[in-house]
């Protein structure tokens, strides 16, 4: 995905509860193992905040902790 999409155009979404848990775990493990921390932060939180600025009114530290565990 990162080789195809422009920087800043990838956001994380689990598709839970529609996607099977093992499928979600497969992709999140790949993200954890193959993406550097700064890029992972952008994928999991930063890019979404740029796309949906109102989310920035949330406590960003809480949002990062929620998404990147």
PDB file of N, CA and C in Angstrom:
ATOM      1  N   UNK A   1       0.826  -1.183   0.000  1.00  0.00           N
ATOM      2  CA  UNK A   1       0.000   0.000   0.000  1.00  0.00           C
ATOM      3  C   UNK A   1       0.873   1.251   0.000  1.00  0.00           C
ATOM      4  N   UNK A   2       1.918   1.262   0.846  1.00  0.00           N
ATOM      5  CA  UNK A   2       2.767   2.447   0.950  1.00  0.00           C
ATOM      6  C   UNK A   2       3.553   2.694  -0.334  1.00  0.00           C
ATOM      7  N   UNK A   3       3.792   1.659  -1.125  1.00  0.00           N
ATOM      8  CA  UNK A   3       4.468   1.818  -2.399  1.00  0.00           C
ATOM      9  C   UNK A   3       3.555   2.377  -3.478  1.00  0.00           C
ATOM     10  N   UNK A   4       2.265   2.305  -3.251  1.00  0.00           N
ATOM     11  CA  UNK A   4       1.276   2.740  -4.241  1.00  0.00           C
ATOM     12  C   UNK A   4       0.710   4.128  -3.929  1.00  0.00           C
ATOM     13  N   UNK A   5       0.297   4.326  -2.707  1.00  0.00           N
ATOM     14  CA  UNK A   5      -0.391   5.561  -2.326  1.00  0.00           C
ATOM     15  C   UNK A   5       0.602   6.672  -2.005  1.00  0.00           C
ATOM     16  N   UNK A   6       0.179   7.899  -2.198  1.00  0.00           N
ATOM     17  CA  UNK A   6       1.008   9.046  -1.851  1.00  0.00           C
ATOM     18  C   UNK A   6       1.152   9.131  -0.334  1.00  0.00           C
ATOM     19  N   UNK A   7       2.257   9.719   0.105  1.00  0.00           N
ATOM     20  CA  UNK A   7       2.475   9.920   1.530  1.00  0.00           C
ATOM     21  C   UNK A   7       1.328  10.755   2.097  1.00  0.00           C
ATOM     22  N   UNK A   8       0.813  10.343   3.214  1.00  0.00           N
ATOM     23  CA  UNK A   8      -0.294  11.061   3.839  1.00  0.00           C
ATOM     24  C   UNK A   8      -1.666  10.596   3.386  1.00  0.00           C
ATOM     25  N   UNK A   9      -1.714   9.641   2.459  1.00  0.00           N
ATOM     26  CA  UNK A   9      -2.995   9.176   1.933  1.00  0.00           C
ATOM     27  C   UNK A   9      -3.417   7.815   2.461  1.00  0.00           C
ATOM     28  N   UNK A  10      -2.695   7.302   3.440  1.00  0.00           N
ATOM     29  CA  UNK A  10      -3.035   5.996   4.017  1.00  0.00           C
ATOM     30  C   UNK A  10      -3.502   6.209   5.446  1.00  0.00           C
ATOM     31  N   UNK A  11      -4.675   5.667   5.764  1.00  0.00           N
ATOM     32  CA  UNK A  11      -5.188   5.710   7.131  1.00  0.00           C
ATOM     33  C   UNK A  11      -5.527   4.290   7.567  1.00  0.00           C
ATOM     34  N   UNK A  12      -5.464   4.061   8.868  1.00  0.00           N
ATOM     35  CA  UNK A  12      -5.745   2.740   9.410  1.00  0.00           C
ATOM     36  C   UNK A  12      -7.233   2.571   9.647  1.00  0.00           C
ATOM     37  N   UNK A  13      -7.735   1.405   9.326  1.00  0.00           N
ATOM     38  CA  UNK A  13      -9.103   1.026   9.646  1.00  0.00           C
ATOM     39  C   UNK A  13      -9.172  -0.485   9.797  1.00  0.00           C
ATOM     40  N   UNK A  14      -9.773  -0.969  10.851  1.00  0.00           N
ATOM     41  CA  UNK A  14      -9.800  -2.416  11.103  1.00  0.00           C
ATOM     42  C   UNK A  14     -10.986  -3.107  10.454  1.00  0.00           C
ATOM     43  N   UNK A  15     -12.019  -2.368  10.130  1.00  0.00           N
ATOM     44  CA  UNK A  15     -13.262  -2.910   9.585  1.00  0.00           C
ATOM     45  C   UNK A  15     -13.959  -3.843  10.581  1.00  0.00           C
ATOM     46  N   UNK A  16     -13.638  -3.679  11.857  1.00  0.00           N
ATOM     47  CA  UNK A  16     -14.280  -4.464  12.902  1.00  0.00           C
ATOM     48  C   UNK A  16     -15.697  -3.955  13.105  1.00  0.00           C
ATOM     49  N   UNK A  17     -16.682  -4.743  13.227  1.00  0.00           N
ATOM     50  CA  UNK A  17     -16.734  -6.182  13.455  1.00  0.00           C
ATOM     51  C   UNK A  17     -16.924  -7.004  12.183  1.00  0.00           C
ATOM     52  N   UNK A  18     -16.899  -6.369  11.017  1.00  0.00           N
ATOM     53  CA  UNK A  18     -17.178  -7.097   9.779  1.00  0.00           C
ATOM     54  C   UNK A  18     -16.042  -8.009   9.328  1.00  0.00           C
ATOM     55  N   UNK A  19     -14.805  -7.623   9.573  1.00  0.00           N
ATOM     56  CA  UNK A  19     -13.663  -8.452   9.190  1.00  0.00           C
ATOM     57  C   UNK A  19     -13.378  -9.469  10.294  1.00  0.00           C
ATOM     58  N   UNK A  20     -12.975 -10.669   9.910  1.00  0.00           N
ATOM     59  CA  UNK A  20     -12.616 -11.665  10.929  1.00  0.00           C
ATOM     60  C   UNK A  20     -11.423 -11.185  11.762  1.00  0.00           C
ATOM     61  N   UNK A  21     -11.420 -11.514  13.032  1.00  0.00           N
ATOM     62  CA  UNK A  21     -10.367 -11.079  13.950  1.00  0.00           C
ATOM     63  C   UNK A  21      -8.990 -11.503  13.469  1.00  0.00           C
ATOM     64  N   UNK A  22      -8.854 -12.729  12.944  1.00  0.00           N
ATOM     65  CA  UNK A  22      -7.537 -13.189  12.491  1.00  0.00           C
ATOM     66  C   UNK A  22      -7.033 -12.365  11.309  1.00  0.00           C
ATOM     67  N   UNK A  23      -7.926 -11.894  10.480  1.00  0.00           N
ATOM     68  CA  UNK A  23      -7.550 -11.031   9.356  1.00  0.00           C
ATOM     69  C   UNK A  23      -7.048  -9.674   9.867  1.00  0.00           C
ATOM     70  N   UNK A  24      -7.742  -9.112  10.827  1.00  0.00           N
ATOM     71  CA  UNK A  24      -7.333  -7.836  11.423  1.00  0.00           C
ATOM     72  C   UNK A  24      -5.968  -7.988  12.080  1.00  0.00           C
ATOM     73  N   UNK A  25      -5.772  -9.068  12.823  1.00  0.00           N
ATOM     74  CA  UNK A  25      -4.494  -9.313  13.493  1.00  0.00           C
ATOM     75  C   UNK A  25      -3.361  -9.463  12.486  1.00  0.00           C
ATOM     76  N   UNK A  26      -3.626 -10.109  11.352  1.00  0.00           N
ATOM     77  CA  UNK A  26      -2.617 -10.280  10.305  1.00  0.00           C
ATOM     78  C   UNK A  26      -2.132  -8.916   9.808  1.00  0.00           C
ATOM     79  N   UNK A  27      -3.049  -8.032   9.505  1.00  0.00           N
ATOM     80  CA  UNK A  27      -2.671  -6.720   8.972  1.00  0.00           C
ATOM     81  C   UNK A  27      -2.052  -5.818  10.026  1.00  0.00           C
ATOM     82  N   UNK A  28      -2.545  -5.854  11.254  1.00  0.00           N
ATOM     83  CA  UNK A  28      -1.946  -5.010  12.293  1.00  0.00           C
ATOM     84  C   UNK A  28      -0.552  -5.501  12.657  1.00  0.00           C
ATOM     85  N   UNK A  29      -0.339  -6.814  12.627  1.00  0.00           N
ATOM     86  CA  UNK A  29       1.006  -7.353  12.864  1.00  0.00           C
ATOM     87  C   UNK A  29       1.954  -6.902  11.767  1.00  0.00           C
ATOM     88  N   UNK A  30       1.507  -6.925  10.528  1.00  0.00           N
ATOM     89  CA  UNK A  30       2.321  -6.440   9.413  1.00  0.00           C
ATOM     90  C   UNK A  30       2.678  -4.983   9.568  1.00  0.00           C
ATOM     91  N   UNK A  31       1.740  -4.196  10.023  1.00  0.00           N
ATOM     92  CA  UNK A  31       1.996  -2.775  10.272  1.00  0.00           C
ATOM     93  C   UNK A  31       3.047  -2.614  11.368  1.00  0.00           C
ATOM     94  N   UNK A  32       2.900  -3.361  12.435  1.00  0.00           N
ATOM     95  CA  UNK A  32       3.850  -3.284  13.550  1.00  0.00           C
ATOM     96  C   UNK A  32       5.247  -3.735  13.158  1.00  0.00           C
ATOM     97  N   UNK A  33       5.348  -4.762  12.338  1.00  0.00           N
ATOM     98  CA  UNK A  33       6.644  -5.365  12.023  1.00  0.00           C
ATOM     99  C   UNK A  33       7.371  -4.720  10.847  1.00  0.00           C
ATOM    100  N   UNK A  34       6.648  -4.042   9.966  1.00  0.00           N
ATOM    101  CA  UNK A  34       7.274  -3.594   8.717  1.00  0.00           C
ATOM    102  C   UNK A  34       7.218  -2.089   8.469  1.00  0.00           C
ATOM    103  N   UNK A  35       6.666  -1.346   9.384  1.00  0.00           N
ATOM    104  CA  UNK A  35       6.528   0.105   9.184  1.00  0.00           C
ATOM    105  C   UNK A  35       7.212   0.822  10.341  1.00  0.00           C
ATOM    106  N   UNK A  36       8.033   1.815  10.016  1.00  0.00           N
ATOM    107  CA  UNK A  36       8.728   2.563  11.073  1.00  0.00           C
ATOM    108  C   UNK A  36       7.716   3.326  11.921  1.00  0.00           C
ATOM    109  N   UNK A  37       8.086   3.593  13.163  1.00  0.00           N
ATOM    110  CA  UNK A  37       7.162   4.174  14.147  1.00  0.00           C
ATOM    111  C   UNK A  37       6.549   5.489  13.681  1.00  0.00           C
ATOM    112  N   UNK A  38       7.338   6.393  13.124  1.00  0.00           N
ATOM    113  CA  UNK A  38       6.820   7.695  12.688  1.00  0.00           C
ATOM    114  C   UNK A  38       5.744   7.524  11.614  1.00  0.00           C
ATOM    115  N   UNK A  39       5.988   6.643  10.655  1.00  0.00           N
ATOM    116  CA  UNK A  39       5.001   6.389   9.599  1.00  0.00           C
ATOM    117  C   UNK A  39       3.766   5.725  10.169  1.00  0.00           C
ATOM    118  N   UNK A  40       3.965   4.806  11.110  1.00  0.00           N
ATOM    119  CA  UNK A  40       2.827   4.130  11.747  1.00  0.00           C
ATOM    120  C   UNK A  40       1.947   5.132  12.484  1.00  0.00           C
ATOM    121  N   UNK A  41       2.556   6.093  13.179  1.00  0.00           N
ATOM    122  CA  UNK A  41       1.786   7.136  13.875  1.00  0.00           C
ATOM    123  C   UNK A  41       0.948   7.935  12.879  1.00  0.00           C
ATOM    124  N   UNK A  42       1.529   8.247  11.723  1.00  0.00           N
ATOM    125  CA  UNK A  42       0.785   8.996  10.704  1.00  0.00           C
ATOM    126  C   UNK A  42      -0.376   8.171  10.157  1.00  0.00           C
ATOM    127  N   UNK A  43      -0.128   6.888   9.886  1.00  0.00           N
ATOM    128  CA  UNK A  43      -1.173   6.004   9.357  1.00  0.00           C
ATOM    129  C   UNK A  43      -2.298   5.826  10.372  1.00  0.00           C
ATOM    130  N   UNK A  44      -1.935   5.644  11.627  1.00  0.00           N
ATOM    131  CA  UNK A  44      -2.931   5.329  12.652  1.00  0.00           C
ATOM    132  C   UNK A  44      -3.660   6.550  13.192  1.00  0.00           C
ATOM    133  N   UNK A  45      -3.020   7.719  13.175  1.00  0.00           N
ATOM    134  CA  UNK A  45      -3.647   8.893  13.779  1.00  0.00           C
ATOM    135  C   UNK A  45      -3.480  10.152  12.930  1.00  0.00           C
ATOM    136  N   UNK A  46      -2.244  10.478  12.603  1.00  0.00           N
ATOM    137  CA  UNK A  46      -1.946  11.769  11.976  1.00  0.00           C
ATOM    138  C   UNK A  46      -2.697  12.048  10.694  1.00  0.00           C
ATOM    139  N   UNK A  47      -2.733  11.081   9.786  1.00  0.00           N
ATOM    140  CA  UNK A  47      -3.409  11.305   8.503  1.00  0.00           C
ATOM    141  C   UNK A  47      -4.910  11.480   8.690  1.00  0.00           C
ATOM    142  N   UNK A  48      -5.490  10.735   9.631  1.00  0.00           N
ATOM    143  CA  UNK A  48      -6.922  10.883   9.909  1.00  0.00           C
ATOM    144  C   UNK A  48      -7.223  12.262  10.488  1.00  0.00           C
ATOM    145  N   UNK A  49      -6.320  12.764  11.347  1.00  0.00           N
ATOM    146  CA  UNK A  49      -6.530  14.099  11.918  1.00  0.00           C
ATOM    147  C   UNK A  49      -6.456  15.182  10.844  1.00  0.00           C
ATOM    148  N   UNK A  50      -5.621  14.970   9.841  1.00  0.00           N
ATOM    149  CA  UNK A  50      -5.539  15.930   8.725  1.00  0.00           C
ATOM    150  C   UNK A  50      -6.807  15.869   7.881  1.00  0.00           C
ATOM    151  N   UNK A  51      -7.345  14.675   7.702  1.00  0.00           N
ATOM    152  CA  UNK A  51      -8.553  14.488   6.904  1.00  0.00           C
ATOM    153  C   UNK A  51      -9.814  14.924   7.650  1.00  0.00           C
ATOM    154  N   UNK A  52      -9.842  14.664   8.957  1.00  0.00           N
ATOM    155  CA  UNK A  52     -10.982  15.001   9.802  1.00  0.00           C
ATOM    156  C   UNK A  52     -10.514  15.869  10.964  1.00  0.00           C
ATOM    157  N   UNK A  53     -10.284  17.151  10.735  1.00  0.00           N
ATOM    158  CA  UNK A  53      -9.713  18.024  11.765  1.00  0.00           C
ATOM    159  C   UNK A  53     -10.500  18.056  13.072  1.00  0.00           C
ATOM    160  N   UNK A  54     -11.802  17.816  13.025  1.00  0.00           N
ATOM    161  CA  UNK A  54     -12.594  17.849  14.261  1.00  0.00           C
ATOM    162  C   UNK A  54     -12.151  16.786  15.246  1.00  0.00           C
ATOM    163  N   UNK A  55     -11.546  15.701  14.740  1.00  0.00           N
ATOM    164  CA  UNK A  55     -11.026  14.683  15.651  1.00  0.00           C
ATOM    165  C   UNK A  55      -9.915  15.242  16.523  1.00  0.00           C
ATOM    166  N   UNK A  56      -9.268  16.295  16.054  1.00  0.00           N
ATOM    167  CA  UNK A  56      -8.193  16.926  16.809  1.00  0.00           C
ATOM    168  C   UNK A  56      -8.669  17.557  18.103  1.00  0.00           C
ATOM    169  N   UNK A  57      -9.972  17.755  18.240  1.00  0.00           N
ATOM    170  CA  UNK A  57     -10.522  18.299  19.473  1.00  0.00           C
ATOM    171  C   UNK A  57     -10.479  17.260  20.592  1.00  0.00           C
ATOM    172  N   UNK A  58     -10.298  15.974  20.210  1.00  0.00           N
ATOM    173  CA  UNK A  58     -10.114  14.919  21.213  1.00  0.00           C
ATOM    174  C   UNK A  58      -8.720  15.089  21.798  1.00  0.00           C
ATOM    175  N   UNK A  59      -8.495  14.483  22.906  1.00  0.00           N
ATOM    176  CA  UNK A  59      -7.158  14.461  23.490  1.00  0.00           C
ATOM    177  C   UNK A  59      -6.307  13.557  22.604  1.00  0.00           C
ATOM    178  N   UNK A  60      -5.393  14.151  21.815  1.00  0.00           N
ATOM    179  CA  UNK A  60      -4.627  13.388  20.832  1.00  0.00           C
ATOM    180  C   UNK A  60      -3.810  12.279  21.478  1.00  0.00           C
ATOM    181  N   UNK A  61      -3.260  12.510  22.648  1.00  0.00           N
ATOM    182  CA  UNK A  61      -2.487  11.471  23.341  1.00  0.00           C
ATOM    183  C   UNK A  61      -3.377  10.265  23.626  1.00  0.00           C
ATOM    184  N   UNK A  62      -4.604  10.504  24.017  1.00  0.00           N
ATOM    185  CA  UNK A  62      -5.553   9.413  24.265  1.00  0.00           C
ATOM    186  C   UNK A  62      -5.846   8.672  22.976  1.00  0.00           C
ATOM    187  N   UNK A  63      -6.017   9.410  21.885  1.00  0.00           N
ATOM    188  CA  UNK A  63      -6.326   8.809  20.598  1.00  0.00           C
ATOM    189  C   UNK A  63      -5.163   7.951  20.116  1.00  0.00           C
ATOM    190  N   UNK A  64      -3.937   8.430  20.255  1.00  0.00           N
ATOM    191  CA  UNK A  64      -2.754   7.660  19.859  1.00  0.00           C
ATOM    192  C   UNK A  64      -2.661   6.385  20.684  1.00  0.00           C
ATOM    193  N   UNK A  65      -2.863   6.494  21.986  1.00  0.00           N
ATOM    194  CA  UNK A  65      -2.798   5.320  22.867  1.00  0.00           C
ATOM    195  C   UNK A  65      -3.873   4.310  22.493  1.00  0.00           C
ATOM    196  N   UNK A  66      -5.044   4.777  22.150  1.00  0.00           N
ATOM    197  CA  UNK A  66      -6.145   3.900  21.770  1.00  0.00           C
ATOM    198  C   UNK A  66      -5.824   3.141  20.504  1.00  0.00           C
ATOM    199  N   UNK A  67      -5.281   3.812  19.503  1.00  0.00           N
ATOM    200  CA  UNK A  67      -5.076   3.203  18.191  1.00  0.00           C
ATOM    201  C   UNK A  67      -3.776   2.413  18.114  1.00  0.00           C
ATOM    202  N   UNK A  68      -2.707   2.919  18.683  1.00  0.00           N
ATOM    203  CA  UNK A  68      -1.391   2.283  18.553  1.00  0.00           C
ATOM    204  C   UNK A  68      -1.038   1.593  19.857  1.00  0.00           C
ATOM    205  N   UNK A  69      -1.507   0.373  20.016  1.00  0.00           N
ATOM    206  CA  UNK A  69      -1.204  -0.395  21.225  1.00  0.00           C
ATOM    207  C   UNK A  69      -0.415  -1.614  20.874  1.00  0.00           C
TER     208      UNK A  69
END
